[in-house]
């Protein structure tokens, strides 16, 4: 089960359709700027191929 988060840990809280998205700061709050940048780089490296594939898919659907 997901860990309960206190409101002071939540940076963003919004809905996408029926899904509630809550972005917490717990993971990065005690990290150095360099560690945070490494985390963001790792996320970008994993997300980029997926985003590019989706863009290509959408561009071929509109032709």
N, C-alpha and C. Protein backbone atom coordinates (compact mmCIF):
# COMPACT_ATOMS: atom_id res chain seq x y z
N UNK A 1 0.84 -1.18 0.00
CA UNK A 1 0.00 0.00 0.00
C UNK A 1 0.88 1.24 0.00
N UNK A 2 0.39 2.31 -0.62
CA UNK A 2 1.15 3.55 -0.70
C UNK A 2 1.31 4.18 0.67
N UNK A 3 2.45 4.80 0.87
CA UNK A 3 2.74 5.48 2.13
C UNK A 3 1.90 6.75 2.21
N UNK A 4 1.39 7.04 3.40
CA UNK A 4 0.63 8.28 3.61
C UNK A 4 1.59 9.46 3.57
N UNK A 5 1.22 10.49 2.86
CA UNK A 5 2.04 11.68 2.75
C UNK A 5 1.35 12.83 3.46
N UNK A 6 2.11 13.62 4.16
CA UNK A 6 1.53 14.80 4.80
C UNK A 6 1.47 15.93 3.78
N UNK A 7 0.60 16.87 4.02
CA UNK A 7 0.40 17.95 3.05
C UNK A 7 1.66 18.78 2.84
N UNK A 8 2.54 18.86 3.84
CA UNK A 8 3.76 19.65 3.65
C UNK A 8 4.78 18.95 2.75
N UNK A 9 4.55 17.69 2.42
CA UNK A 9 5.42 16.95 1.51
C UNK A 9 4.94 17.04 0.06
N UNK A 10 3.73 17.53 -0.16
CA UNK A 10 3.12 17.54 -1.49
C UNK A 10 3.44 18.84 -2.21
N UNK A 11 4.12 18.73 -3.35
CA UNK A 11 4.45 19.91 -4.16
C UNK A 11 3.34 20.21 -5.16
N UNK A 12 2.71 19.17 -5.69
CA UNK A 12 1.62 19.30 -6.66
C UNK A 12 0.55 18.28 -6.33
N UNK A 13 -0.71 18.64 -6.54
CA UNK A 13 -1.84 17.74 -6.30
C UNK A 13 -2.90 18.09 -7.33
N UNK A 14 -3.16 17.18 -8.28
CA UNK A 14 -4.14 17.46 -9.33
C UNK A 14 -4.75 16.17 -9.85
N UNK A 15 -5.76 16.31 -10.69
CA UNK A 15 -6.46 15.17 -11.26
C UNK A 15 -6.19 15.09 -12.76
N UNK A 16 -6.00 13.87 -13.24
CA UNK A 16 -5.97 13.58 -14.67
C UNK A 16 -7.07 12.55 -14.87
N UNK A 17 -8.20 13.00 -15.39
CA UNK A 17 -9.36 12.11 -15.48
C UNK A 17 -9.80 11.70 -14.09
N UNK A 18 -9.89 10.40 -13.87
CA UNK A 18 -10.29 9.88 -12.56
C UNK A 18 -9.09 9.58 -11.66
N UNK A 19 -7.90 9.94 -12.10
CA UNK A 19 -6.68 9.62 -11.36
C UNK A 19 -6.17 10.84 -10.62
N UNK A 20 -5.94 10.69 -9.33
CA UNK A 20 -5.36 11.77 -8.54
C UNK A 20 -3.84 11.64 -8.58
N UNK A 21 -3.18 12.73 -8.94
CA UNK A 21 -1.72 12.77 -9.01
C UNK A 21 -1.23 13.67 -7.90
N UNK A 22 -0.37 13.11 -7.06
CA UNK A 22 0.23 13.87 -5.97
C UNK A 22 1.74 13.72 -6.07
N UNK A 23 2.42 14.83 -6.26
CA UNK A 23 3.87 14.81 -6.40
C UNK A 23 4.47 15.29 -5.08
N UNK A 24 5.25 14.42 -4.46
CA UNK A 24 5.83 14.73 -3.16
C UNK A 24 7.31 15.06 -3.29
N UNK A 25 7.81 15.80 -2.33
CA UNK A 25 9.21 16.23 -2.34
C UNK A 25 10.12 15.34 -1.51
N UNK A 26 9.56 14.32 -0.87
CA UNK A 26 10.34 13.48 0.04
C UNK A 26 11.62 12.92 -0.57
N UNK A 27 11.54 12.45 -1.79
CA UNK A 27 12.67 11.77 -2.39
C UNK A 27 13.86 12.70 -2.61
N UNK A 28 13.60 13.96 -2.93
CA UNK A 28 14.68 14.89 -3.28
C UNK A 28 15.00 15.92 -2.22
N UNK A 29 14.23 15.99 -1.15
CA UNK A 29 14.41 17.11 -0.22
C UNK A 29 15.78 17.15 0.45
N UNK A 30 16.42 16.00 0.62
CA UNK A 30 17.74 15.97 1.27
C UNK A 30 18.88 15.71 0.28
N UNK A 31 18.62 15.88 -1.00
CA UNK A 31 19.63 15.64 -2.03
C UNK A 31 20.38 16.93 -2.35
N UNK A 32 21.62 16.77 -2.78
CA UNK A 32 22.39 17.92 -3.25
C UNK A 32 21.88 18.31 -4.65
N UNK A 33 22.16 19.52 -5.09
CA UNK A 33 21.76 19.89 -6.46
C UNK A 33 22.31 18.92 -7.51
N UNK A 34 23.50 18.43 -7.29
CA UNK A 34 24.11 17.48 -8.24
C UNK A 34 23.33 16.17 -8.27
N UNK A 35 22.92 15.69 -7.09
CA UNK A 35 22.14 14.45 -7.03
C UNK A 35 20.78 14.64 -7.68
N UNK A 36 20.16 15.79 -7.46
CA UNK A 36 18.87 16.08 -8.09
C UNK A 36 19.03 16.09 -9.60
N UNK A 37 20.09 16.71 -10.10
CA UNK A 37 20.32 16.75 -11.55
C UNK A 37 20.52 15.35 -12.11
N UNK A 38 21.22 14.50 -11.39
CA UNK A 38 21.41 13.11 -11.84
C UNK A 38 20.06 12.38 -11.91
N UNK A 39 19.20 12.62 -10.94
CA UNK A 39 17.87 12.00 -10.95
C UNK A 39 17.07 12.49 -12.16
N UNK A 40 17.09 13.80 -12.39
CA UNK A 40 16.35 14.36 -13.54
C UNK A 40 16.91 13.85 -14.86
N UNK A 41 18.23 13.74 -14.96
CA UNK A 41 18.85 13.21 -16.18
C UNK A 41 18.42 11.77 -16.42
N UNK A 42 18.36 10.97 -15.36
CA UNK A 42 17.95 9.57 -15.48
C UNK A 42 16.49 9.46 -15.93
N UNK A 43 15.64 10.31 -15.37
CA UNK A 43 14.23 10.33 -15.78
C UNK A 43 14.11 10.72 -17.25
N UNK A 44 14.83 11.76 -17.65
CA UNK A 44 14.77 12.22 -19.03
C UNK A 44 15.27 11.15 -20.00
N UNK A 45 16.33 10.46 -19.61
CA UNK A 45 16.89 9.41 -20.47
C UNK A 45 15.87 8.29 -20.69
N UNK A 46 15.11 7.96 -19.66
CA UNK A 46 14.11 6.90 -19.79
C UNK A 46 12.86 7.39 -20.51
N UNK A 47 12.48 8.64 -20.31
CA UNK A 47 11.24 9.16 -20.87
C UNK A 47 11.37 9.58 -22.33
N UNK A 48 12.54 10.04 -22.74
CA UNK A 48 12.70 10.58 -24.09
C UNK A 48 12.29 9.61 -25.19
N UNK A 49 12.75 8.35 -25.19
CA UNK A 49 12.34 7.45 -26.28
C UNK A 49 10.83 7.24 -26.34
N UNK A 50 10.19 7.21 -25.19
CA UNK A 50 8.74 7.02 -25.14
C UNK A 50 8.03 8.25 -25.72
N UNK A 51 8.49 9.43 -25.34
CA UNK A 51 7.88 10.65 -25.84
C UNK A 51 8.09 10.82 -27.33
N UNK A 52 9.27 10.52 -27.81
CA UNK A 52 9.57 10.61 -29.25
C UNK A 52 8.69 9.63 -30.02
N UNK A 53 8.58 8.41 -29.53
CA UNK A 53 7.74 7.41 -30.21
C UNK A 53 6.29 7.87 -30.27
N UNK A 54 5.79 8.45 -29.21
CA UNK A 54 4.42 8.94 -29.20
C UNK A 54 4.23 10.10 -30.17
N UNK A 55 5.21 11.00 -30.24
CA UNK A 55 5.13 12.10 -31.20
C UNK A 55 5.14 11.59 -32.63
N UNK A 56 5.99 10.62 -32.91
CA UNK A 56 6.04 10.05 -34.26
C UNK A 56 4.74 9.35 -34.61
N UNK A 57 4.19 8.64 -33.65
CA UNK A 57 2.92 7.95 -33.86
C UNK A 57 1.81 8.96 -34.19
N UNK A 58 1.75 10.03 -33.44
CA UNK A 58 0.73 11.05 -33.67
C UNK A 58 0.95 11.76 -35.00
N UNK A 59 2.20 12.00 -35.39
CA UNK A 59 2.46 12.70 -36.65
C UNK A 59 2.08 11.84 -37.84
N UNK A 60 2.23 10.52 -37.73
CA UNK A 60 1.83 9.66 -38.85
C UNK A 60 0.32 9.44 -38.88
N UNK A 61 -0.37 9.58 -37.76
CA UNK A 61 -1.82 9.45 -37.73
C UNK A 61 -2.49 10.63 -38.42
N UNK A 62 -1.86 11.79 -38.43
CA UNK A 62 -2.46 13.00 -38.99
C UNK A 62 -2.21 13.14 -40.48
N UNK A 63 -1.52 12.21 -41.08
CA UNK A 63 -1.22 12.31 -42.52
C UNK A 63 -2.30 11.68 -43.33
